[in-house]
C-alpha cells in the first residue's frame, strides 16, 4: 500500500526506496523495544522499475562564450565564473572581492548564496582555490573601477546592496539573453556540465576535473563529463572497419546476380 501510494504521487524509484528504508529502520527499532513488528520482506515487494535517466543538457564552449559576450557587465563576469571555472550558481553570486587575489590570479571559493543569505559552501571539497585565466583577471580589474560598493563586498548585489539570488539572475538576466541568441533552454548547471566535458576532452585528468568542480566523489564526473574516452572510440572505429572490410570481401566473392 505504501509503495502504491508513493507511486501514485509520482515519486521516483529512489525516493520510494528511501521511504522503505526508513520504514524498515522503524520496524527494526520497534522489535528492539519488544513490540510485535514484522521484518520488511523486500523479496515480496513489487517495486517500480528504474526510470530512464534523461540526458543532461549542457552548453558547448561556443554557446557559453556567446552568452558571456552578449551579457552586460557585471553579468558577463558572473557567467564567466560558471563557464570558465565551473562555479555553482550559488557560489558565483556569492563571490566577494576578498575572495579574489588578482595579482596571483586565484579565486578562493568559500561561501555560497542561498535565497539571498550568505552561507558556507556545499561541502568540504567545495571549499577550493581556483586559477583565474588572464581574460578573467582583465575583466575583474576593469569591473573593479566601476563597481558600486556594498556592505558585503560582493561583486553582484541588488539595488539595495544586498545579496542577489541566483533565481533572479537566471530568470531576468540569463534566459532573455539565451532566448535572443536562439540557444536551447538550460539552467545554470549547463555551464558547469559544459566545463567538465571540455576539460576532459582537453585531456585533463579526472582528479583535476574533480578539484575544479568541487566534487567529493569521482563518480559524480559521469554526470558532468559528456565525453567518450578516446581509447573506447578508437576500439569501436577499428571494429567497424573490420566489419566493413569483411562485408566488402564477401560481396566480391558473391556478387549480386540480377536475372
C-alpha atoms as a PDB file:
ATOM      1  CA  UNK A   1       0.000   0.000   0.000  1.00  0.00           C
ATOM      2  CA  UNK A   2       2.844   2.393   0.815  1.00  0.00           C
ATOM      3  CA  UNK A   3       4.655   1.678  -2.457  1.00  0.00           C
ATOM      4  CA  UNK A   4       1.475   2.085  -4.496  1.00  0.00           C
ATOM      5  CA  UNK A   5       0.559   5.332  -2.742  1.00  0.00           C
ATOM      6  CA  UNK A   6       4.010   6.851  -3.272  1.00  0.00           C
ATOM      7  CA  UNK A   7       3.989   5.721  -6.892  1.00  0.00           C
ATOM      8  CA  UNK A   8       0.603   7.370  -7.490  1.00  0.00           C
ATOM      9  CA  UNK A   9       2.091  10.616  -6.206  1.00  0.00           C
ATOM     10  CA  UNK A  10       4.648  10.415  -8.990  1.00  0.00           C
ATOM     11  CA  UNK A  11       7.678   9.881  -6.750  1.00  0.00           C
ATOM     12  CA  UNK A  12      10.805   8.287  -8.204  1.00  0.00           C
ATOM     13  CA  UNK A  13      12.060   4.779  -7.519  1.00  0.00           C
ATOM     14  CA  UNK A  14      14.932   6.187  -5.442  1.00  0.00           C
ATOM     15  CA  UNK A  15      12.562   8.207  -3.249  1.00  0.00           C
ATOM     16  CA  UNK A  16      10.345   5.168  -2.725  1.00  0.00           C
ATOM     17  CA  UNK A  17      13.362   3.044  -1.752  1.00  0.00           C
ATOM     18  CA  UNK A  18      14.433   5.733   0.723  1.00  0.00           C
ATOM     19  CA  UNK A  19      10.960   5.683   2.289  1.00  0.00           C
ATOM     20  CA  UNK A  20      11.025   1.887   2.543  1.00  0.00           C
ATOM     21  CA  UNK A  21      14.473   2.011   4.165  1.00  0.00           C
ATOM     22  CA  UNK A  22      13.127   4.429   6.758  1.00  0.00           C
ATOM     23  CA  UNK A  23      10.170   2.107   7.364  1.00  0.00           C
ATOM     24  CA  UNK A  24      12.492  -0.891   7.760  1.00  0.00           C
ATOM     25  CA  UNK A  25      14.527   1.043  10.351  1.00  0.00           C
ATOM     26  CA  UNK A  26      11.363   1.965  12.252  1.00  0.00           C
ATOM     27  CA  UNK A  27      10.220  -1.660  12.323  1.00  0.00           C
ATOM     28  CA  UNK A  28      13.671  -2.737  13.498  1.00  0.00           C
ATOM     29  CA  UNK A  29      13.588  -0.214  16.329  1.00  0.00           C
ATOM     30  CA  UNK A  30      10.115  -1.427  17.290  1.00  0.00           C
ATOM     31  CA  UNK A  31      11.362  -5.010  17.532  1.00  0.00           C
ATOM     32  CA  UNK A  32      14.261  -3.848  19.690  1.00  0.00           C
ATOM     33  CA  UNK A  33      11.688  -2.332  22.055  1.00  0.00           C
ATOM     34  CA  UNK A  34       9.850  -5.689  22.180  1.00  0.00           C
ATOM     35  CA  UNK A  35       6.938  -4.662  20.004  1.00  0.00           C
ATOM     36  CA  UNK A  36       5.437  -7.267  17.670  1.00  0.00           C
ATOM     37  CA  UNK A  37       6.701  -5.795  14.426  1.00  0.00           C
ATOM     38  CA  UNK A  38       7.493  -7.910  11.336  1.00  0.00           C
ATOM     39  CA  UNK A  39      10.581  -7.570   9.217  1.00  0.00           C
ATOM     40  CA  UNK A  40      10.205  -5.847   5.871  1.00  0.00           C
ATOM     41  CA  UNK A  41      10.331  -8.604   3.237  1.00  0.00           C
ATOM     42  CA  UNK A  42      11.976  -6.934   0.257  1.00  0.00           C
ATOM     43  CA  UNK A  43      11.518 -10.041  -1.903  1.00  0.00           C
ATOM     44  CA  UNK A  44       7.728  -9.721  -1.803  1.00  0.00           C
ATOM     45  CA  UNK A  45       7.625  -6.049  -2.742  1.00  0.00           C
ATOM     46  CA  UNK A  46       6.733  -5.059  -6.296  1.00  0.00           C
ATOM     47  CA  UNK A  47       8.929  -2.015  -6.785  1.00  0.00           C
ATOM     48  CA  UNK A  48       8.698   0.344  -9.763  1.00  0.00           C
ATOM     49  CA  UNK A  49      11.269  -0.232 -12.491  1.00  0.00           C
ATOM     50  CA  UNK A  50      14.225   2.120 -12.752  1.00  0.00           C
ATOM     51  CA  UNK A  51      13.343   5.258 -14.660  1.00  0.00           C
ATOM     52  CA  UNK A  52      15.250   6.122 -17.795  1.00  0.00           C
ATOM     53  CA  UNK A  53      17.643   8.921 -16.944  1.00  0.00           C
ATOM     54  CA  UNK A  54      17.347  11.892 -19.246  1.00  0.00           C
ATOM     55  CA  UNK A  55      20.470  13.189 -20.909  1.00  0.00           C
ATOM     56  CA  UNK A  56      21.800  16.297 -19.196  1.00  0.00           C
ATOM     57  CA  UNK A  57      21.720  19.365 -21.413  1.00  0.00           C
ATOM     58  CA  UNK A  58      24.962  21.359 -21.388  1.00  0.00           C
ATOM     59  CA  UNK A  59      26.352  24.423 -23.140  1.00  0.00           C
ATOM     60  CA  UNK A  60      29.111  23.924 -25.672  1.00  0.00           C
ATOM     61  CA  UNK A  61      32.119  26.255 -25.333  1.00  0.00           C
ATOM     62  CA  UNK A  62      30.753  28.228 -28.298  1.00  0.00           C
ATOM     63  CA  UNK A  63      27.330  28.645 -26.669  1.00  0.00           C
ATOM     64  CA  UNK A  64      28.821  29.639 -23.325  1.00  0.00           C
ATOM     65  CA  UNK A  65      31.043  32.245 -24.962  1.00  0.00           C
ATOM     66  CA  UNK A  66      28.140  33.681 -26.943  1.00  0.00           C
ATOM     67  CA  UNK A  67      26.168  34.170 -23.714  1.00  0.00           C
ATOM     68  CA  UNK A  68      29.156  35.789 -22.000  1.00  0.00           C
ATOM     69  CA  UNK A  69      29.815  38.127 -24.950  1.00  0.00           C
ATOM     70  CA  UNK A  70      26.144  39.150 -25.164  1.00  0.00           C
ATOM     71  CA  UNK A  71      25.806  39.868 -21.425  1.00  0.00           C
ATOM     72  CA  UNK A  72      26.295  43.338 -19.951  1.00  0.00           C
ATOM     73  CA  UNK A  73      28.712  43.954 -17.109  1.00  0.00           C
ATOM     74  CA  UNK A  74      28.772  42.548 -14.441  1.00  0.00           C
ATOM     75  CA  UNK A  75      26.717  39.543 -15.592  1.00  0.00           C
ATOM     76  CA  UNK A  76      29.304  38.604 -18.188  1.00  0.00           C
ATOM     77  CA  UNK A  77      31.677  38.082 -15.252  1.00  0.00           C
ATOM     78  CA  UNK A  78      29.087  36.092 -13.307  1.00  0.00           C
ATOM     79  CA  UNK A  79      28.520  33.754 -16.268  1.00  0.00           C
ATOM     80  CA  UNK A  80      32.278  33.514 -16.876  1.00  0.00           C
ATOM     81  CA  UNK A  81      32.726  32.269 -13.296  1.00  0.00           C
ATOM     82  CA  UNK A  82      30.386  29.401 -14.143  1.00  0.00           C
ATOM     83  CA  UNK A  83      31.591  28.731 -17.698  1.00  0.00           C
ATOM     84  CA  UNK A  84      35.369  29.152 -17.226  1.00  0.00           C
ATOM     85  CA  UNK A  85      35.733  27.965 -13.624  1.00  0.00           C
ATOM     86  CA  UNK A  86      32.741  25.660 -13.098  1.00  0.00           C
ATOM     87  CA  UNK A  87      31.270  27.521 -10.131  1.00  0.00           C
ATOM     88  CA  UNK A  88      27.800  26.589  -8.982  1.00  0.00           C
ATOM     89  CA  UNK A  89      25.277  29.401  -9.397  1.00  0.00           C
ATOM     90  CA  UNK A  90      25.072  29.811  -5.610  1.00  0.00           C
ATOM     91  CA  UNK A  91      28.871  30.145  -5.476  1.00  0.00           C
ATOM     92  CA  UNK A  92      29.103  32.586  -8.375  1.00  0.00           C
ATOM     93  CA  UNK A  93      26.626  35.113  -6.953  1.00  0.00           C
ATOM     94  CA  UNK A  94      28.418  34.932  -3.570  1.00  0.00           C
ATOM     95  CA  UNK A  95      31.891  35.930  -4.788  1.00  0.00           C
ATOM     96  CA  UNK A  96      33.315  38.877  -2.831  1.00  0.00           C
ATOM     97  CA  UNK A  97      36.420  40.907  -3.568  1.00  0.00           C
ATOM     98  CA  UNK A  98      38.113  39.470  -0.506  1.00  0.00           C
ATOM     99  CA  UNK A  99      37.888  36.049  -2.189  1.00  0.00           C
ATOM    100  CA  UNK A 100      39.958  37.285  -5.136  1.00  0.00           C
ATOM    101  CA  UNK A 101      43.727  37.594  -5.409  1.00  0.00           C
ATOM    102  CA  UNK A 102      44.037  39.235  -8.800  1.00  0.00           C
ATOM    103  CA  UNK A 103      47.813  39.609  -8.540  1.00  0.00           C
ATOM    104  CA  UNK A 104      48.208  35.856  -8.096  1.00  0.00           C
ATOM    105  CA  UNK A 105      45.257  35.022 -10.358  1.00  0.00           C
ATOM    106  CA  UNK A 106      43.378  32.973  -7.744  1.00  0.00           C
ATOM    107  CA  UNK A 107      39.743  32.762  -6.630  1.00  0.00           C
ATOM    108  CA  UNK A 108      39.041  31.256  -3.220  1.00  0.00           C
ATOM    109  CA  UNK A 109      35.604  29.631  -3.139  1.00  0.00           C
ATOM    110  CA  UNK A 110      34.442  29.543   0.485  1.00  0.00           C
ATOM    111  CA  UNK A 111      30.871  30.864   0.581  1.00  0.00           C
ATOM    112  CA  UNK A 112      27.567  30.493  -1.234  1.00  0.00           C
ATOM    113  CA  UNK A 113      24.335  32.413  -1.557  1.00  0.00           C
ATOM    114  CA  UNK A 114      21.119  30.561  -0.753  1.00  0.00           C
ATOM    115  CA  UNK A 115      17.913  32.583  -1.226  1.00  0.00           C
ATOM    116  CA  UNK A 116      19.792  35.814  -0.565  1.00  0.00           C
ATOM    117  CA  UNK A 117      21.611  34.531   2.541  1.00  0.00           C
ATOM    118  CA  UNK A 118      25.383  34.077   2.614  1.00  0.00           C
ATOM    119  CA  UNK A 119      26.346  30.603   3.847  1.00  0.00           C
ATOM    120  CA  UNK A 120      29.305  28.255   3.739  1.00  0.00           C
ATOM    121  CA  UNK A 121      29.838  26.192   0.598  1.00  0.00           C
ATOM    122  CA  UNK A 122      28.125  22.872  -0.085  1.00  0.00           C
ATOM    123  CA  UNK A 123      30.859  20.566   1.272  1.00  0.00           C
ATOM    124  CA  UNK A 124      34.497  20.438   2.334  1.00  0.00           C
ATOM    125  CA  UNK A 125      35.570  19.620  -1.222  1.00  0.00           C
ATOM    126  CA  UNK A 126      33.600  22.650  -2.462  1.00  0.00           C
ATOM    127  CA  UNK A 127      35.943  24.875  -0.444  1.00  0.00           C
ATOM    128  CA  UNK A 128      38.687  25.276  -3.046  1.00  0.00           C
ATOM    129  CA  UNK A 129      41.156  27.631  -4.707  1.00  0.00           C
ATOM    130  CA  UNK A 130      40.739  28.048  -8.466  1.00  0.00           C
ATOM    131  CA  UNK A 131      43.117  29.583 -11.015  1.00  0.00           C
ATOM    132  CA  UNK A 132      41.818  32.676 -12.772  1.00  0.00           C
ATOM    133  CA  UNK A 133      42.593  32.765 -16.507  1.00  0.00           C
ATOM    134  CA  UNK A 134      44.165  36.040 -17.730  1.00  0.00           C
ATOM    135  CA  UNK A 135      40.980  37.060 -19.548  1.00  0.00           C
ATOM    136  CA  UNK A 136      39.077  36.939 -16.256  1.00  0.00           C
ATOM    137  CA  UNK A 137      41.740  38.911 -14.417  1.00  0.00           C
ATOM    138  CA  UNK A 138      41.411  41.650 -17.061  1.00  0.00           C
ATOM    139  CA  UNK A 139      37.605  41.606 -16.782  1.00  0.00           C
ATOM    140  CA  UNK A 140      37.766  41.856 -12.990  1.00  0.00           C
ATOM    141  CA  UNK A 141      40.347  44.631 -12.962  1.00  0.00           C
ATOM    142  CA  UNK A 142      38.167  46.690 -15.282  1.00  0.00           C
ATOM    143  CA  UNK A 143      34.991  45.995 -13.315  1.00  0.00           C
ATOM    144  CA  UNK A 144      36.652  46.956 -10.034  1.00  0.00           C
ATOM    145  CA  UNK A 145      36.937  50.547 -11.315  1.00  0.00           C
ATOM    146  CA  UNK A 146      33.183  50.716 -11.996  1.00  0.00           C
ATOM    147  CA  UNK A 147      31.916  48.573  -9.106  1.00  0.00           C
ATOM    148  CA  UNK A 148      29.381  50.066  -6.705  1.00  0.00           C
ATOM    149  CA  UNK A 149      30.459  49.242  -3.114  1.00  0.00           C
ATOM    150  CA  UNK A 150      28.154  47.314  -0.799  1.00  0.00           C
ATOM    151  CA  UNK A 151      28.437  46.279   2.848  1.00  0.00           C
ATOM    152  CA  UNK A 152      29.296  42.681   1.956  1.00  0.00           C
ATOM    153  CA  UNK A 153      31.932  43.461  -0.644  1.00  0.00           C
ATOM    154  CA  UNK A 154      30.014  41.283  -3.117  1.00  0.00           C
ATOM    155  CA  UNK A 155      30.684  41.581  -6.826  1.00  0.00           C
ATOM    156  CA  UNK A 156      26.983  41.072  -7.537  1.00  0.00           C
ATOM    157  CA  UNK A 157      24.308  42.734  -5.401  1.00  0.00           C
ATOM    158  CA  UNK A 158      20.829  44.184  -5.827  1.00  0.00           C
ATOM    159  CA  UNK A 159      19.958  47.883  -5.931  1.00  0.00           C
ATOM    160  CA  UNK A 160      19.942  47.994  -2.112  1.00  0.00           C
ATOM    161  CA  UNK A 161      23.405  46.452  -1.865  1.00  0.00           C
ATOM    162  CA  UNK A 162      22.040  43.140  -0.575  1.00  0.00           C
ATOM    163  CA  UNK A 163      22.998  39.644  -1.807  1.00  0.00           C
ATOM    164  CA  UNK A 164      21.185  38.865  -5.048  1.00  0.00           C
ATOM    165  CA  UNK A 165      19.545  35.494  -5.676  1.00  0.00           C
ATOM    166  CA  UNK A 166      20.608  33.192  -8.486  1.00  0.00           C
ATOM    167  CA  UNK A 167      16.916  32.744  -9.378  1.00  0.00           C
ATOM    168  CA  UNK A 168      16.697  36.412 -10.331  1.00  0.00           C
ATOM    169  CA  UNK A 169      19.879  36.223 -12.400  1.00  0.00           C
ATOM    170  CA  UNK A 170      18.659  33.112 -14.207  1.00  0.00           C
ATOM    171  CA  UNK A 171      15.118  34.361 -14.852  1.00  0.00           C
ATOM    172  CA  UNK A 172      15.690  38.047 -15.596  1.00  0.00           C
ATOM    173  CA  UNK A 173      19.237  38.105 -16.980  1.00  0.00           C
ATOM    174  CA  UNK A 174      20.377  34.806 -18.450  1.00  0.00           C
ATOM    175  CA  UNK A 175      17.183  33.408 -20.004  1.00  0.00           C
ATOM    176  CA  UNK A 176      16.302  36.544 -22.028  1.00  0.00           C
ATOM    177  CA  UNK A 177      19.850  36.639 -23.415  1.00  0.00           C
ATOM    178  CA  UNK A 178      19.836  32.911 -24.183  1.00  0.00           C
ATOM    179  CA  UNK A 179      16.462  33.149 -25.939  1.00  0.00           C
ATOM    180  CA  UNK A 180      17.609  36.120 -28.004  1.00  0.00           C
ATOM    181  CA  UNK A 181      20.649  34.106 -29.137  1.00  0.00           C
ATOM    182  CA  UNK A 182      18.496  31.091 -30.030  1.00  0.00           C
ATOM    183  CA  UNK A 183      20.252  28.760 -27.579  1.00  0.00           C
ATOM    184  CA  UNK A 184      18.063  25.891 -26.247  1.00  0.00           C
ATOM    185  CA  UNK A 185      16.686  26.362 -22.753  1.00  0.00           C
ATOM    186  CA  UNK A 186      19.009  25.236 -19.972  1.00  0.00           C
ATOM    187  CA  UNK A 187      19.776  26.212 -16.397  1.00  0.00           C
ATOM    188  CA  UNK A 188      22.996  27.444 -14.872  1.00  0.00           C
ATOM    189  CA  UNK A 189      24.238  23.868 -14.496  1.00  0.00           C
ATOM    190  CA  UNK A 190      24.651  23.765 -18.279  1.00  0.00           C
ATOM    191  CA  UNK A 191      27.737  25.977 -17.850  1.00  0.00           C
ATOM    192  CA  UNK A 192      29.163  23.589 -15.274  1.00  0.00           C
ATOM    193  CA  UNK A 193      28.433  20.454 -17.267  1.00  0.00           C
ATOM    194  CA  UNK A 194      29.950  22.062 -20.330  1.00  0.00           C
ATOM    195  CA  UNK A 195      33.181  22.866 -18.499  1.00  0.00           C
ATOM    196  CA  UNK A 196      33.527  19.309 -17.182  1.00  0.00           C
ATOM    197  CA  UNK A 197      33.123  17.959 -20.692  1.00  0.00           C
ATOM    198  CA  UNK A 198      35.553  20.461 -22.220  1.00  0.00           C
ATOM    199  CA  UNK A 199      38.193  19.755 -19.553  1.00  0.00           C
ATOM    200  CA  UNK A 200      38.114  16.006 -20.164  1.00  0.00           C
ATOM    201  CA  UNK A 201      38.082  16.463 -23.937  1.00  0.00           C
ATOM    202  CA  UNK A 202      41.157  18.646 -23.487  1.00  0.00           C
ATOM    203  CA  UNK A 203      42.979  15.825 -21.697  1.00  0.00           C
ATOM    204  CA  UNK A 204      42.537  16.891 -18.049  1.00  0.00           C
ATOM    205  CA  UNK A 205      42.650  14.032 -15.559  1.00  0.00           C
ATOM    206  CA  UNK A 206      39.573  13.004 -13.595  1.00  0.00           C
ATOM    207  CA  UNK A 207      41.236  14.268 -10.413  1.00  0.00           C
ATOM    208  CA  UNK A 208      41.812  17.724 -11.905  1.00  0.00           C
ATOM    209  CA  UNK A 209      38.184  17.936 -13.065  1.00  0.00           C
ATOM    210  CA  UNK A 210      37.016  16.808  -9.624  1.00  0.00           C
ATOM    211  CA  UNK A 211      39.055  19.529  -7.914  1.00  0.00           C
ATOM    212  CA  UNK A 212      37.894  22.198 -10.350  1.00  0.00           C
ATOM    213  CA  UNK A 213      34.206  21.372  -9.936  1.00  0.00           C
ATOM    214  CA  UNK A 214      34.486  20.767  -6.192  1.00  0.00           C
ATOM    215  CA  UNK A 215      33.092  17.237  -6.130  1.00  0.00           C
ATOM    216  CA  UNK A 216      33.641  14.957  -3.167  1.00  0.00           C
ATOM    217  CA  UNK A 217      33.191  11.802  -5.265  1.00  0.00           C
ATOM    218  CA  UNK A 218      34.830  10.996  -8.596  1.00  0.00           C
ATOM    219  CA  UNK A 219      31.710   9.092  -9.618  1.00  0.00           C
ATOM    220  CA  UNK A 220      29.902  12.410  -9.994  1.00  0.00           C
ATOM    221  CA  UNK A 221      32.003  13.065 -13.097  1.00  0.00           C
ATOM    222  CA  UNK A 222      29.967  10.527 -15.048  1.00  0.00           C
ATOM    223  CA  UNK A 223      27.084  13.023 -14.866  1.00  0.00           C
ATOM    224  CA  UNK A 224      29.153  16.034 -15.844  1.00  0.00           C
ATOM    225  CA  UNK A 225      31.666  14.868 -18.448  1.00  0.00           C
ATOM    226  CA  UNK A 226      29.706  14.074 -21.601  1.00  0.00           C
ATOM    227  CA  UNK A 227      32.617  12.585 -23.488  1.00  0.00           C
ATOM    228  CA  UNK A 228      33.579   9.133 -24.756  1.00  0.00           C
ATOM    229  CA  UNK A 229      37.163   8.073 -23.855  1.00  0.00           C
ATOM    230  CA  UNK A 230      39.451   8.140 -26.882  1.00  0.00           C
ATOM    231  CA  UNK A 231      40.609   4.525 -26.452  1.00  0.00           C
ATOM    232  CA  UNK A 232      36.981   3.388 -26.438  1.00  0.00           C
ATOM    233  CA  UNK A 233      36.258   5.433 -29.558  1.00  0.00           C
ATOM    234  CA  UNK A 234      39.352   4.019 -31.305  1.00  0.00           C
ATOM    235  CA  UNK A 235      38.369   0.436 -30.435  1.00  0.00           C
ATOM    236  CA  UNK A 236      34.865   0.893 -31.853  1.00  0.00           C
ATOM    237  CA  UNK A 237      36.176   2.576 -35.029  1.00  0.00           C
ATOM    238  CA  UNK A 238      38.610  -0.277 -35.642  1.00  0.00           C
ATOM    239  CA  UNK A 239      35.908  -2.889 -35.084  1.00  0.00           C
ATOM    240  CA  UNK A 240      33.523  -1.183 -37.508  1.00  0.00           C
ATOM    241  CA  UNK A 241      36.319  -1.006 -40.098  1.00  0.00           C
ATOM    242  CA  UNK A 242      36.742  -4.774 -39.687  1.00  0.00           C
ATOM    243  CA  UNK A 243      33.011  -5.278 -40.297  1.00  0.00           C
ATOM    244  CA  UNK A 244      33.177  -3.153 -43.435  1.00  0.00           C
ATOM    245  CA  UNK A 245      36.257  -4.950 -44.793  1.00  0.00           C
ATOM    246  CA  UNK A 246      34.681  -8.376 -44.289  1.00  0.00           C
ATOM    247  CA  UNK A 247      31.431  -7.212 -45.831  1.00  0.00           C
ATOM    248  CA  UNK A 248      33.277  -5.847 -48.852  1.00  0.00           C
ATOM    249  CA  UNK A 249      35.295  -9.063 -49.225  1.00  0.00           C
ATOM    250  CA  UNK A 250      32.144 -11.176 -49.086  1.00  0.00           C
ATOM    251  CA  UNK A 251      30.468  -9.008 -51.719  1.00  0.00           C
ATOM    252  CA  UNK A 252      33.421  -9.578 -54.069  1.00  0.00           C
ATOM    253  CA  UNK A 253      33.214 -13.360 -53.631  1.00  0.00           C
ATOM    254  CA  UNK A 254      29.426 -13.474 -54.014  1.00  0.00           C
ATOM    255  CA  UNK A 255      28.443 -10.655 -56.381  1.00  0.00           C
ATOM    256  CA  UNK A 256      24.745  -9.838 -56.631  1.00  0.00           C
ATOM    257  CA  UNK A 257      23.183 -11.620 -59.599  1.00  0.00           C
ATOM    258  CA  UNK A 258      20.382  -9.917 -61.495  1.00  0.00           C
ATOM    259  CA  UNK A 259      18.215 -12.205 -63.646  1.00  0.00           C
END
